[in-house]
Amino acid sequence: MKKSNKYKLKLEPLELIGPSDKIYEPIAFEFDNHDNIFEIIERMKSRDRFKTQQQSVEFAIGLKLFSEVMLKNKDNPLFEDFRSAFGDLMKKIKSKPA
């Protein structure tokens, strides 16, 4: 059995644009990931690839959520055309910035 890190994420609306009668309750969920996401966030922030550190954090969290789902569903045809480009993106991310 593979070991994985466990996380909890909570998303709640603070301010939504546009008219809506709907009230959205916060979403909280637990998930696992083979990587230490906090270390990845720190590396992304130190590489200074985005306009703000906050964008580095958003990118790291979104990427790790997406990539783990993709790994767990590697036979899903939805990812078929994207898999090669994703590999290239990960190589670029892991390389030192120019």
C-alpha atoms as a PDB file:
ATOM      1  CA  MET A   1       0.000   0.000   0.000  1.00  0.00           C
ATOM      2  CA  LYS A   2       1.373   3.383  -1.005  1.00  0.00           C
ATOM      3  CA  LYS A   3       1.698   6.061   1.607  1.00  0.00           C
ATOM      4  CA  SER A   4       0.279   9.480   0.925  1.00  0.00           C
ATOM      5  CA  ASN A   5      -0.068  12.801   2.646  1.00  0.00           C
ATOM      6  CA  LYS A   6      -3.545  13.775   3.804  1.00  0.00           C
ATOM      7  CA  TYR A   7      -4.947  17.303   3.528  1.00  0.00           C
ATOM      8  CA  LYS A   8      -8.133  19.188   4.179  1.00  0.00           C
ATOM      9  CA  LEU A   9      -9.243  22.072   1.989  1.00  0.00           C
ATOM     10  CA  LYS A  10     -12.080  24.498   2.656  1.00  0.00           C
ATOM     11  CA  LEU A  11     -13.552  26.804   0.042  1.00  0.00           C
ATOM     12  CA  GLU A  12     -16.118  29.397   0.950  1.00  0.00           C
ATOM     13  CA  PRO A  13     -17.534  32.323  -0.974  1.00  0.00           C
ATOM     14  CA  LEU A  14     -16.508  35.707   0.370  1.00  0.00           C
ATOM     15  CA  GLU A  15     -17.853  37.897  -2.407  1.00  0.00           C
ATOM     16  CA  LEU A  16     -19.418  36.741  -5.665  1.00  0.00           C
ATOM     17  CA  ILE A  17     -20.008  38.974  -8.671  1.00  0.00           C
ATOM     18  CA  GLY A  18     -23.299  39.069 -10.533  1.00  0.00           C
ATOM     19  CA  PRO A  19     -26.849  38.684  -9.323  1.00  0.00           C
ATOM     20  CA  SER A  20     -27.734  35.428  -7.596  1.00  0.00           C
ATOM     21  CA  ASP A  21     -30.407  34.293  -5.205  1.00  0.00           C
ATOM     22  CA  LYS A  22     -28.423  31.201  -4.377  1.00  0.00           C
ATOM     23  CA  ILE A  23     -26.566  30.856  -1.091  1.00  0.00           C
ATOM     24  CA  TYR A  24     -23.478  28.710  -1.418  1.00  0.00           C
ATOM     25  CA  GLU A  25     -22.387  26.770   1.623  1.00  0.00           C
ATOM     26  CA  PRO A  26     -18.662  26.311   2.180  1.00  0.00           C
ATOM     27  CA  ILE A  27     -17.176  23.146   0.749  1.00  0.00           C
ATOM     28  CA  ALA A  28     -14.646  21.274   2.841  1.00  0.00           C
ATOM     29  CA  PHE A  29     -13.078  18.012   1.767  1.00  0.00           C
ATOM     30  CA  GLU A  30     -10.158  15.800   2.590  1.00  0.00           C
ATOM     31  CA  PHE A  31      -7.844  14.420  -0.042  1.00  0.00           C
ATOM     32  CA  ASP A  32      -4.548  12.642  -0.328  1.00  0.00           C
ATOM     33  CA  ASN A  33      -1.545  13.446  -2.445  1.00  0.00           C
ATOM     34  CA  HIS A  34       1.774  11.683  -2.872  1.00  0.00           C
ATOM     35  CA  ASP A  35       3.659  14.998  -2.582  1.00  0.00           C
ATOM     36  CA  ASN A  36       4.144  17.353   0.335  1.00  0.00           C
ATOM     37  CA  ILE A  37       2.108  20.235  -1.060  1.00  0.00           C
ATOM     38  CA  PHE A  38       3.496  22.700   1.481  1.00  0.00           C
ATOM     39  CA  GLU A  39       7.031  22.073   0.191  1.00  0.00           C
ATOM     40  CA  ILE A  40       5.828  22.557  -3.380  1.00  0.00           C
ATOM     41  CA  ILE A  41       4.164  25.846  -2.407  1.00  0.00           C
ATOM     42  CA  GLU A  42       7.410  27.072  -0.853  1.00  0.00           C
ATOM     43  CA  ARG A  43       9.404  26.096  -3.962  1.00  0.00           C
ATOM     44  CA  MET A  44       6.908  27.830  -6.256  1.00  0.00           C
ATOM     45  CA  LYS A  45       7.025  30.981  -4.135  1.00  0.00           C
ATOM     46  CA  SER A  46      10.833  31.013  -4.142  1.00  0.00           C
ATOM     47  CA  ARG A  47      11.006  30.632  -7.936  1.00  0.00           C
ATOM     48  CA  ASP A  48       9.042  33.836  -8.382  1.00  0.00           C
ATOM     49  CA  ARG A  49       7.353  32.767 -11.654  1.00  0.00           C
ATOM     50  CA  PHE A  50       4.128  34.709 -11.153  1.00  0.00           C
ATOM     51  CA  LYS A  51       3.179  38.314 -10.470  1.00  0.00           C
ATOM     52  CA  THR A  52       2.453  37.640  -6.791  1.00  0.00           C
ATOM     53  CA  GLN A  53       3.280  35.028  -4.170  1.00  0.00           C
ATOM     54  CA  GLN A  54      -0.455  34.446  -3.791  1.00  0.00           C
ATOM     55  CA  GLN A  55      -0.625  33.375  -7.451  1.00  0.00           C
ATOM     56  CA  SER A  56       2.211  30.922  -6.783  1.00  0.00           C
ATOM     57  CA  VAL A  57       0.184  29.392  -3.955  1.00  0.00           C
ATOM     58  CA  GLU A  58      -2.992  29.222  -6.067  1.00  0.00           C
ATOM     59  CA  PHE A  59      -1.102  27.620  -8.943  1.00  0.00           C
ATOM     60  CA  ALA A  60       0.622  25.034  -6.738  1.00  0.00           C
ATOM     61  CA  ILE A  61      -2.601  23.954  -5.023  1.00  0.00           C
ATOM     62  CA  GLY A  62      -4.599  23.826  -8.250  1.00  0.00           C
ATOM     63  CA  LEU A  63      -1.886  21.936 -10.081  1.00  0.00           C
ATOM     64  CA  LYS A  64      -1.505  19.352  -7.326  1.00  0.00           C
ATOM     65  CA  LEU A  65      -5.261  18.780  -7.082  1.00  0.00           C
ATOM     66  CA  PHE A  66      -5.527  18.404 -10.853  1.00  0.00           C
ATOM     67  CA  SER A  67      -2.451  16.241 -11.337  1.00  0.00           C
ATOM     68  CA  GLU A  68      -3.398  13.798  -8.582  1.00  0.00           C
ATOM     69  CA  VAL A  69      -6.852  13.268 -10.096  1.00  0.00           C
ATOM     70  CA  MET A  70      -5.216  12.773 -13.473  1.00  0.00           C
ATOM     71  CA  LEU A  71      -2.807  10.185 -12.007  1.00  0.00           C
ATOM     72  CA  LYS A  72      -5.650   8.315 -10.329  1.00  0.00           C
ATOM     73  CA  ASN A  73      -7.544   8.277 -13.634  1.00  0.00           C
ATOM     74  CA  LYS A  74      -4.686   7.689 -16.057  1.00  0.00           C
ATOM     75  CA  ASP A  75      -6.831   5.519 -18.334  1.00  0.00           C
ATOM     76  CA  ASN A  76      -9.541   8.160 -18.651  1.00  0.00           C
ATOM     77  CA  PRO A  77      -9.779   9.302 -22.292  1.00  0.00           C
ATOM     78  CA  LEU A  78     -10.419  12.848 -21.082  1.00  0.00           C
ATOM     79  CA  PHE A  79      -6.675  13.198 -20.380  1.00  0.00           C
ATOM     80  CA  GLU A  80      -5.446  11.358 -23.466  1.00  0.00           C
ATOM     81  CA  ASP A  81      -4.541  14.386 -25.604  1.00  0.00           C
ATOM     82  CA  PHE A  82      -3.277  16.380 -22.655  1.00  0.00           C
ATOM     83  CA  ARG A  83      -0.902  13.861 -21.044  1.00  0.00           C
ATOM     84  CA  SER A  84       2.126  14.700 -23.209  1.00  0.00           C
ATOM     85  CA  ALA A  85       1.698  18.467 -22.844  1.00  0.00           C
ATOM     86  CA  PHE A  86       1.262  18.032 -19.092  1.00  0.00           C
ATOM     87  CA  GLY A  87       4.562  16.158 -18.920  1.00  0.00           C
ATOM     88  CA  ASP A  88       6.247  19.019 -20.760  1.00  0.00           C
ATOM     89  CA  LEU A  89       4.672  21.529 -18.381  1.00  0.00           C
ATOM     90  CA  MET A  90       5.928  19.622 -15.339  1.00  0.00           C
ATOM     91  CA  LYS A  91       9.468  19.546 -16.755  1.00  0.00           C
ATOM     92  CA  LYS A  92       9.307  23.290 -17.301  1.00  0.00           C
ATOM     93  CA  ILE A  93       7.975  23.887 -13.785  1.00  0.00           C
ATOM     94  CA  LYS A  94      10.720  21.777 -12.208  1.00  0.00           C
ATOM     95  CA  SER A  95      13.494  23.492 -14.190  1.00  0.00           C
ATOM     96  CA  LYS A  96      15.188  26.591 -12.939  1.00  0.00           C
ATOM     97  CA  PRO A  97      13.582  29.800 -14.235  1.00  0.00           C
ATOM     98  CA  ALA A  98      15.417  31.507 -17.077  1.00  0.00           C
END
